């Protein structure tokens, strides 16, 4: 990228504020997520279902605006029990290929990754 920014593989992410999506990834995501069944930034699902490869720019190039503290988005999250029930249902309905890929990734790749949390 340049002398101060680089790309890193994303294992999981939260509070993502900007995206760059190429045409192939956009087509894969539109085909795989329609009708809508998942939030637009659940990156682990995108990788499990092979919609796209997710990379992060470090340090981030898009940050909170001065108006972020005034936002009402996600002010009342779903109760944890409801969120867990929905997530378990989605995982149970995943195709066997996705389940196997996720299991193998968890056994053979994830243990060897070093994770650095960005702030």
Foldseek 3Di string as FASTA:
>chain_A
DDPQKDKDFDPFDPPDDDDDDDPQLVVLCCVVQPVHDDDPRGVNVCVLVVSDTDIAIPPHPDDDDPCVVVDCPCVDPDPPVVVVVSVVVVVVPDDPSSVVVVVCCVVPPVVPDDDDDHD
